[in-house]
Amino acid sequence: MHGTPHIVSDVMTGTVVTLGRGATFKDIVKTMQQWKVSALPVLEEGNRVVGIVSEADLLPKEEFRDSDPDRHTQLRRLSDLAKAGALTADELMTAPAVTVHANDTLAQAARTMARAKIKRLPVVDDEGVLHGIVSRADLLKVFLRDDEDIAEEVRRQIVAYLFPAPIEAIRVDVRDGVVTLTGRIRDTMLVPVAARLVRAVEGVVDVNCALMGPHRRPDLDPDLPGGGGTPQVSGAGDTA
């Protein structure tokens, strides 16, 4: 029912600067500076991703350059100390690299980044062959989606599905990614369902679900003033 979410291949960068295992420390720094990137995938034969070198992997060399760490630091930061003495990408890289597939949704990629606390992910196929790279900035591109494009998807994929015969026409307004639904529907139990589905549409920033149920009819509702229930008749001839 719901529209197909945007996937990683929609936003990834297909041209990727990479390293071989033998790339030297200085060449890695030069490459990062030249291409203005903070991490580089490391490839082996067949363009398979075997690891990734980031700025965080390079910093220990400067941090420990003129220091003599105590025993506690040595035990606590063995990996960083090893990288401080590393000379090549093979020694510096974090392996295995955290990756995603081209057909993963943007939500899946965002969760992977958040859990691994990294800024970019190599995009690979089932054999681990590199096809691109996706960054945090790439994932945020979805919020540049046109308001009318979002509104049309909400009307077609959600409103038409949940409310095929509303009491009055349901209006879908989108402003800066915020979706507002107004109108009257027969079953207000569907309001939270509609809000959840709209919020899942790519590019939606927030949802204001102002859908209402049927008008209450006083002649059928005894709880309303002057409505329903047993008629009360009074007249001038009544006695206490």
C-alpha atoms as a PDB file:
ATOM      1  CA  MET A   1       0.000   0.000   0.000  1.00  0.00           C
ATOM      2  CA  HIS A   2       2.605   2.519   1.085  1.00  0.00           C
ATOM      3  CA  GLY A   3       4.882   4.141  -1.490  1.00  0.00           C
ATOM      4  CA  THR A   4       8.291   2.574  -1.927  1.00  0.00           C
ATOM      5  CA  PRO A   5      10.778   4.417   0.328  1.00  0.00           C
ATOM      6  CA  HIS A   6      13.800   6.032  -1.262  1.00  0.00           C
ATOM      7  CA  ILE A   7      16.755   3.667  -1.165  1.00  0.00           C
ATOM      8  CA  VAL A   8      20.487   4.153  -0.796  1.00  0.00           C
ATOM      9  CA  SER A   9      21.122   3.967  -4.555  1.00  0.00           C
ATOM     10  CA  ASP A  10      18.939   7.081  -4.990  1.00  0.00           C
ATOM     11  CA  VAL A  11      21.287   9.297  -2.981  1.00  0.00           C
ATOM     12  CA  MET A  12      24.709   7.594  -2.912  1.00  0.00           C
ATOM     13  CA  THR A  13      27.804   8.937  -4.667  1.00  0.00           C
ATOM     14  CA  GLY A  14      28.902   6.521  -7.384  1.00  0.00           C
ATOM     15  CA  THR A  15      32.426   7.873  -7.840  1.00  0.00           C
ATOM     16  CA  VAL A  16      34.498   6.882  -4.824  1.00  0.00           C
ATOM     17  CA  VAL A  17      38.112   7.653  -3.952  1.00  0.00           C
ATOM     18  CA  THR A  18      39.681   4.484  -2.538  1.00  0.00           C
ATOM     19  CA  LEU A  19      42.915   3.086  -1.158  1.00  0.00           C
ATOM     20  CA  GLY A  20      44.865  -0.106  -1.629  1.00  0.00           C
ATOM     21  CA  ARG A  21      46.198  -2.015   1.352  1.00  0.00           C
ATOM     22  CA  GLY A  22      49.698  -0.670   0.714  1.00  0.00           C
ATOM     23  CA  ALA A  23      48.829   3.040   0.680  1.00  0.00           C
ATOM     24  CA  THR A  24      51.242   4.905   2.954  1.00  0.00           C
ATOM     25  CA  PHE A  25      50.251   7.101   5.879  1.00  0.00           C
ATOM     26  CA  LYS A  26      51.348  10.273   4.110  1.00  0.00           C
ATOM     27  CA  ASP A  27      49.539   9.349   0.887  1.00  0.00           C
ATOM     28  CA  ILE A  28      46.353   8.717   2.867  1.00  0.00           C
ATOM     29  CA  VAL A  29      46.521  12.169   4.457  1.00  0.00           C
ATOM     30  CA  LYS A  30      47.205  13.789   1.074  1.00  0.00           C
ATOM     31  CA  THR A  31      44.271  11.984  -0.514  1.00  0.00           C
ATOM     32  CA  MET A  32      41.891  13.031   2.253  1.00  0.00           C
ATOM     33  CA  GLN A  33      43.027  16.640   1.928  1.00  0.00           C
ATOM     34  CA  GLN A  34      42.815  16.647  -1.865  1.00  0.00           C
ATOM     35  CA  TRP A  35      39.310  15.170  -2.014  1.00  0.00           C
ATOM     36  CA  LYS A  36      38.039  16.789   1.197  1.00  0.00           C
ATOM     37  CA  VAL A  37      36.828  13.533   2.722  1.00  0.00           C
ATOM     38  CA  SER A  38      37.241  12.179   6.230  1.00  0.00           C
ATOM     39  CA  ALA A  39      37.281   8.454   5.418  1.00  0.00           C
ATOM     40  CA  LEU A  40      38.392   6.211   2.554  1.00  0.00           C
ATOM     41  CA  PRO A  41      37.449   2.594   1.751  1.00  0.00           C
ATOM     42  CA  VAL A  42      40.297   0.119   1.417  1.00  0.00           C
ATOM     43  CA  LEU A  43      39.942  -2.345  -1.461  1.00  0.00           C
ATOM     44  CA  GLU A  44      41.568  -5.619  -2.366  1.00  0.00           C
ATOM     45  CA  GLU A  45      41.495  -7.541  -5.638  1.00  0.00           C
ATOM     46  CA  GLY A  46      38.134  -7.415  -7.386  1.00  0.00           C
ATOM     47  CA  ASN A  47      37.227  -4.056  -5.782  1.00  0.00           C
ATOM     48  CA  ARG A  48      36.032  -5.799  -2.639  1.00  0.00           C
ATOM     49  CA  VAL A  49      35.899  -3.590   0.456  1.00  0.00           C
ATOM     50  CA  VAL A  50      38.096  -4.971   3.232  1.00  0.00           C
ATOM     51  CA  GLY A  51      38.156  -1.986   5.577  1.00  0.00           C
ATOM     52  CA  ILE A  52      37.999   1.760   5.886  1.00  0.00           C
ATOM     53  CA  VAL A  53      40.520   4.350   7.049  1.00  0.00           C
ATOM     54  CA  SER A  54      39.123   7.442   8.752  1.00  0.00           C
ATOM     55  CA  GLU A  55      40.648  10.528  10.316  1.00  0.00           C
ATOM     56  CA  ALA A  56      40.076   8.870  13.694  1.00  0.00           C
ATOM     57  CA  ASP A  57      42.433   6.071  12.623  1.00  0.00           C
ATOM     58  CA  LEU A  58      45.155   8.600  11.770  1.00  0.00           C
ATOM     59  CA  LEU A  59      44.978  10.833  14.852  1.00  0.00           C
ATOM     60  CA  PRO A  60      46.711   8.441  17.328  1.00  0.00           C
ATOM     61  CA  LYS A  61      50.013   8.971  15.477  1.00  0.00           C
ATOM     62  CA  GLU A  62      49.887  12.668  16.399  1.00  0.00           C
ATOM     63  CA  GLU A  63      48.367  12.089  19.842  1.00  0.00           C
ATOM     64  CA  PHE A  64      51.109   9.703  20.963  1.00  0.00           C
ATOM     65  CA  ARG A  65      53.939  11.191  18.875  1.00  0.00           C
ATOM     66  CA  ASP A  66      55.858  12.684  21.792  1.00  0.00           C
ATOM     67  CA  SER A  67      54.234  10.984  24.768  1.00  0.00           C
ATOM     68  CA  ASP A  68      55.058   7.955  26.857  1.00  0.00           C
ATOM     69  CA  PRO A  69      51.683   6.516  27.927  1.00  0.00           C
ATOM     70  CA  ASP A  70      51.454   4.914  31.348  1.00  0.00           C
ATOM     71  CA  ARG A  71      50.561   1.269  31.910  1.00  0.00           C
ATOM     72  CA  HIS A  72      46.863   2.014  32.401  1.00  0.00           C
ATOM     73  CA  THR A  73      46.651   3.920  29.091  1.00  0.00           C
ATOM     74  CA  GLN A  74      48.549   1.182  27.291  1.00  0.00           C
ATOM     75  CA  LEU A  75      46.075  -1.462  28.450  1.00  0.00           C
ATOM     76  CA  ARG A  76      43.025   0.689  27.790  1.00  0.00           C
ATOM     77  CA  ARG A  77      44.047   1.887  24.326  1.00  0.00           C
ATOM     78  CA  LEU A  78      45.973  -0.950  22.767  1.00  0.00           C
ATOM     79  CA  SER A  79      44.273  -0.466  19.392  1.00  0.00           C
ATOM     80  CA  ASP A  80      45.069   3.261  19.252  1.00  0.00           C
ATOM     81  CA  LEU A  81      48.666   2.643  20.241  1.00  0.00           C
ATOM     82  CA  ALA A  82      49.006   0.074  17.471  1.00  0.00           C
ATOM     83  CA  LYS A  83      47.675   2.608  14.979  1.00  0.00           C
ATOM     84  CA  ALA A  84      50.105   5.222  16.280  1.00  0.00           C
ATOM     85  CA  GLY A  85      52.878   3.020  14.917  1.00  0.00           C
ATOM     86  CA  ALA A  86      51.092   2.028  11.709  1.00  0.00           C
ATOM     87  CA  LEU A  87      52.535   2.953   8.325  1.00  0.00           C
ATOM     88  CA  THR A  88      50.048   1.624   5.744  1.00  0.00           C
ATOM     89  CA  ALA A  89      46.298   1.455   5.116  1.00  0.00           C
ATOM     90  CA  ASP A  90      46.404  -2.265   5.881  1.00  0.00           C
ATOM     91  CA  GLU A  91      47.677  -1.498   9.388  1.00  0.00           C
ATOM     92  CA  LEU A  92      45.513   1.564   9.952  1.00  0.00           C
ATOM     93  CA  MET A  93      42.120   0.483   8.623  1.00  0.00           C
ATOM     94  CA  THR A  94      39.132  -0.491  10.698  1.00  0.00           C
ATOM     95  CA  ALA A  95      38.071  -3.932   9.539  1.00  0.00           C
ATOM     96  CA  PRO A  96      35.713  -5.308   8.587  1.00  0.00           C
ATOM     97  CA  ALA A  97      34.141  -2.125   7.250  1.00  0.00           C
ATOM     98  CA  VAL A  98      30.552  -1.327   8.180  1.00  0.00           C
ATOM     99  CA  THR A  99      28.665  -1.282   4.866  1.00  0.00           C
ATOM    100  CA  VAL A 100      25.182  -1.039   3.347  1.00  0.00           C
ATOM    101  CA  HIS A 101      23.561  -2.331   0.164  1.00  0.00           C
ATOM    102  CA  ALA A 102      22.229  -0.186  -2.665  1.00  0.00           C
ATOM    103  CA  ASN A 103      18.654  -1.384  -2.091  1.00  0.00           C
ATOM    104  CA  ASP A 104      18.659  -0.679   1.659  1.00  0.00           C
ATOM    105  CA  THR A 105      16.235   2.059   2.677  1.00  0.00           C
ATOM    106  CA  LEU A 106      17.514   5.406   3.880  1.00  0.00           C
ATOM    107  CA  ALA A 107      16.112   4.602   7.316  1.00  0.00           C
ATOM    108  CA  GLN A 108      18.180   1.397   7.439  1.00  0.00           C
ATOM    109  CA  ALA A 109      21.314   3.291   6.418  1.00  0.00           C
ATOM    110  CA  ALA A 110      20.653   5.994   9.016  1.00  0.00           C
ATOM    111  CA  ARG A 111      20.242   3.390  11.769  1.00  0.00           C
ATOM    112  CA  THR A 112      23.470   1.677  10.719  1.00  0.00           C
ATOM    113  CA  MET A 113      25.359   4.973  10.844  1.00  0.00           C
ATOM    114  CA  ALA A 114      23.917   5.878  14.233  1.00  0.00           C
ATOM    115  CA  ARG A 115      24.706   2.513  15.798  1.00  0.00           C
ATOM    116  CA  ALA A 116      28.261   2.445  14.438  1.00  0.00           C
ATOM    117  CA  LYS A 117      28.769   6.183  15.149  1.00  0.00           C
ATOM    118  CA  ILE A 118      30.231   6.816  11.703  1.00  0.00           C
ATOM    119  CA  LYS A 119      29.661   9.510   9.068  1.00  0.00           C
ATOM    120  CA  ARG A 120      29.699   7.506   5.828  1.00  0.00           C
ATOM    121  CA  LEU A 121      29.149   3.970   4.591  1.00  0.00           C
ATOM    122  CA  PRO A 122      30.558   2.100   1.587  1.00  0.00           C
ATOM    123  CA  VAL A 123      27.769   0.708  -0.586  1.00  0.00           C
ATOM    124  CA  VAL A 124      28.484  -2.874  -1.648  1.00  0.00           C
ATOM    125  CA  ASP A 125      26.808  -5.811  -3.369  1.00  0.00           C
ATOM    126  CA  ASP A 126      26.389  -9.312  -1.942  1.00  0.00           C
ATOM    127  CA  GLU A 127      30.018 -10.113  -2.813  1.00  0.00           C
ATOM    128  CA  GLY A 128      31.346  -7.053  -1.017  1.00  0.00           C
ATOM    129  CA  VAL A 129      32.217  -5.257  -4.268  1.00  0.00           C
ATOM    130  CA  LEU A 130      32.138  -1.460  -3.955  1.00  0.00           C
ATOM    131  CA  HIS A 131      29.395   0.397  -5.865  1.00  0.00           C
ATOM    132  CA  GLY A 132      29.363   3.772  -4.133  1.00  0.00           C
ATOM    133  CA  ILE A 133      29.411   5.579  -0.829  1.00  0.00           C
ATOM    134  CA  VAL A 134      26.675   7.270   1.195  1.00  0.00           C
ATOM    135  CA  SER A 135      27.176  10.014   3.790  1.00  0.00           C
ATOM    136  CA  ARG A 136      25.054  11.676   6.437  1.00  0.00           C
ATOM    137  CA  ALA A 137      24.542  14.611   4.082  1.00  0.00           C
ATOM    138  CA  ASP A 138      23.281  12.231   1.389  1.00  0.00           C
ATOM    139  CA  LEU A 139      20.673  10.791   3.744  1.00  0.00           C
ATOM    140  CA  LEU A 140      19.403  14.286   4.558  1.00  0.00           C
ATOM    141  CA  LYS A 141      18.735  15.009   0.868  1.00  0.00           C
ATOM    142  CA  VAL A 142      15.338  13.370   1.274  1.00  0.00           C
ATOM    143  CA  PHE A 143      14.186  16.437   3.227  1.00  0.00           C
ATOM    144  CA  LEU A 144      14.688  18.544   0.102  1.00  0.00           C
ATOM    145  CA  ARG A 145      11.747  16.753  -1.482  1.00  0.00           C
ATOM    146  CA  ASP A 146       9.138  19.095  -2.975  1.00  0.00           C
ATOM    147  CA  ASP A 147       6.076  19.746  -0.774  1.00  0.00           C
ATOM    148  CA  GLU A 148       3.612  19.011  -3.582  1.00  0.00           C
ATOM    149  CA  ASP A 149       5.377  15.733  -4.336  1.00  0.00           C
ATOM    150  CA  ILE A 150       4.916  14.709  -0.690  1.00  0.00           C
ATOM    151  CA  ALA A 151       1.263  15.822  -0.740  1.00  0.00           C
ATOM    152  CA  GLU A 152       0.542  13.792  -3.861  1.00  0.00           C
ATOM    153  CA  GLU A 153       2.029  10.629  -2.322  1.00  0.00           C
ATOM    154  CA  VAL A 154      -0.003  11.133   0.868  1.00  0.00           C
ATOM    155  CA  ARG A 155      -3.221  11.613  -1.124  1.00  0.00           C
ATOM    156  CA  ARG A 156      -2.640   8.664  -3.432  1.00  0.00           C
ATOM    157  CA  GLN A 157      -1.016   6.124  -1.139  1.00  0.00           C
ATOM    158  CA  ILE A 158      -2.536   6.858   2.289  1.00  0.00           C
ATOM    159  CA  VAL A 159      -5.697   8.967   2.174  1.00  0.00           C
ATOM    160  CA  ALA A 160      -7.231   7.101  -0.775  1.00  0.00           C
ATOM    161  CA  TYR A 161      -6.426   3.780   0.888  1.00  0.00           C
ATOM    162  CA  LEU A 162      -7.585   4.493   4.448  1.00  0.00           C
ATOM    163  CA  PHE A 163     -10.534   6.762   3.643  1.00  0.00           C
ATOM    164  CA  PRO A 164     -12.063   5.760   0.297  1.00  0.00           C
ATOM    165  CA  ALA A 165     -15.437   7.307   1.248  1.00  0.00           C
ATOM    166  CA  PRO A 166     -14.937  10.169   3.720  1.00  0.00           C
ATOM    167  CA  ILE A 167     -17.847  12.176   5.074  1.00  0.00           C
ATOM    168  CA  GLU A 168     -16.289  15.282   3.595  1.00  0.00           C
ATOM    169  CA  ALA A 169     -13.284  15.686   1.335  1.00  0.00           C
ATOM    170  CA  ILE A 170      -9.963  15.252   3.130  1.00  0.00           C
ATOM    171  CA  ARG A 171      -7.503  18.045   2.497  1.00  0.00           C
ATOM    172  CA  VAL A 172      -3.764  17.415   2.447  1.00  0.00           C
ATOM    173  CA  ASP A 173      -1.566  20.486   2.884  1.00  0.00           C
ATOM    174  CA  VAL A 174       2.235  20.366   3.079  1.00  0.00           C
ATOM    175  CA  ARG A 175       4.399  23.309   4.081  1.00  0.00           C
ATOM    176  CA  ASP A 176       8.157  22.927   4.560  1.00  0.00           C
ATOM    177  CA  GLY A 177       7.684  19.182   4.931  1.00  0.00           C
ATOM    178  CA  VAL A 178       4.997  19.467   7.632  1.00  0.00           C
ATOM    179  CA  VAL A 179       1.826  17.628   6.563  1.00  0.00           C
ATOM    180  CA  THR A 180      -1.615  18.758   7.751  1.00  0.00           C
ATOM    181  CA  LEU A 181      -4.699  16.563   7.235  1.00  0.00           C
ATOM    182  CA  THR A 182      -8.162  18.076   7.656  1.00  0.00           C
ATOM    183  CA  GLY A 183     -11.665  16.765   6.998  1.00  0.00           C
ATOM    184  CA  ARG A 184     -14.255  14.411   8.455  1.00  0.00           C
ATOM    185  CA  ILE A 185     -14.038  10.642   8.428  1.00  0.00           C
ATOM    186  CA  ARG A 186     -16.355   7.865   9.523  1.00  0.00           C
ATOM    187  CA  ASP A 187     -13.942   6.042  11.837  1.00  0.00           C
ATOM    188  CA  THR A 188     -11.718   8.135  14.105  1.00  0.00           C
ATOM    189  CA  MET A 189      -9.892   4.967  15.185  1.00  0.00           C
ATOM    190  CA  LEU A 190      -7.947   5.352  11.919  1.00  0.00           C
ATOM    191  CA  VAL A 191      -6.540   8.783  12.851  1.00  0.00           C
ATOM    192  CA  PRO A 192      -3.397   7.469  14.636  1.00  0.00           C
ATOM    193  CA  VAL A 193      -2.880   4.967  11.805  1.00  0.00           C
ATOM    194  CA  ALA A 194      -2.994   7.793   9.250  1.00  0.00           C
ATOM    195  CA  ALA A 195      -0.555   9.891  11.299  1.00  0.00           C
ATOM    196  CA  ARG A 196       1.902   7.005  11.583  1.00  0.00           C
ATOM    197  CA  LEU A 197       1.799   6.231   7.858  1.00  0.00           C
ATOM    198  CA  VAL A 198       2.185   9.878   6.861  1.00  0.00           C
ATOM    199  CA  ARG A 199       5.138  10.300   9.199  1.00  0.00           C
ATOM    200  CA  ALA A 200       6.835   7.365   7.431  1.00  0.00           C
ATOM    201  CA  VAL A 201       6.664   9.070   4.017  1.00  0.00           C
ATOM    202  CA  GLU A 202      10.118  10.117   2.859  1.00  0.00           C
ATOM    203  CA  GLY A 203      10.704  13.838   3.332  1.00  0.00           C
ATOM    204  CA  VAL A 204       8.005  14.380   5.963  1.00  0.00           C
ATOM    205  CA  VAL A 205       9.238  16.526   8.854  1.00  0.00           C
ATOM    206  CA  ASP A 206       6.121  16.344  11.032  1.00  0.00           C
ATOM    207  CA  VAL A 207       2.377  15.590  10.887  1.00  0.00           C
ATOM    208  CA  ASN A 208      -0.603  17.599  12.091  1.00  0.00           C
ATOM    209  CA  CYS A 209      -3.564  15.220  11.904  1.00  0.00           C
ATOM    210  CA  ALA A 210      -6.713  17.321  12.373  1.00  0.00           C
ATOM    211  CA  LEU A 211      -9.180  14.737  11.040  1.00  0.00           C
ATOM    212  CA  MET A 212     -12.558  14.676  12.798  1.00  0.00           C
ATOM    213  CA  GLY A 213     -15.422  12.227  13.063  1.00  0.00           C
ATOM    214  CA  PRO A 214     -19.071  12.695  12.019  1.00  0.00           C
ATOM    215  CA  HIS A 215     -21.127  15.673  13.213  1.00  0.00           C
ATOM    216  CA  ARG A 216     -23.120  14.804  16.338  1.00  0.00           C
ATOM    217  CA  ARG A 217     -26.879  14.957  15.794  1.00  0.00           C
ATOM    218  CA  PRO A 218     -28.719  16.452  18.821  1.00  0.00           C
ATOM    219  CA  ASP A 219     -31.949  14.600  18.074  1.00  0.00           C
ATOM    220  CA  LEU A 220     -30.130  11.246  18.360  1.00  0.00           C
ATOM    221  CA  ASP A 221     -27.690  11.980  21.166  1.00  0.00           C
ATOM    222  CA  PRO A 222     -29.312  12.127  24.631  1.00  0.00           C
ATOM    223  CA  ASP A 223     -26.099  13.499  26.147  1.00  0.00           C
ATOM    224  CA  LEU A 224     -26.360  16.761  24.244  1.00  0.00           C
ATOM    225  CA  PRO A 225     -28.502  19.632  25.634  1.00  0.00           C
ATOM    226  CA  GLY A 226     -31.997  19.410  24.207  1.00  0.00           C
ATOM    227  CA  GLY A 227     -31.283  16.111  22.518  1.00  0.00           C
ATOM    228  CA  GLY A 228     -32.831  12.637  22.591  1.00  0.00           C
ATOM    229  CA  GLY A 229     -34.094  10.784  25.640  1.00  0.00           C
ATOM    230  CA  THR A 230     -37.625  10.850  27.084  1.00  0.00           C
ATOM    231  CA  PRO A 231     -39.485  14.056  26.130  1.00  0.00           C
ATOM    232  CA  GLN A 232     -40.295  16.375  29.061  1.00  0.00           C
ATOM    233  CA  VAL A 233     -43.717  18.123  28.749  1.00  0.00           C
ATOM    234  CA  SER A 234     -44.691  21.018  30.948  1.00  0.00           C
ATOM    235  CA  GLY A 235     -47.560  23.461  30.942  1.00  0.00           C
ATOM    236  CA  ALA A 236     -49.348  26.146  32.914  1.00  0.00           C
ATOM    237  CA  GLY A 237     -51.648  23.582  34.497  1.00  0.00           C
ATOM    238  CA  ASP A 238     -48.887  21.477  36.043  1.00  0.00           C
ATOM    239  CA  THR A 239     -48.941  21.056  39.788  1.00  0.00           C
ATOM    240  CA  ALA A 240     -46.091  20.347  42.119  1.00  0.00           C
END
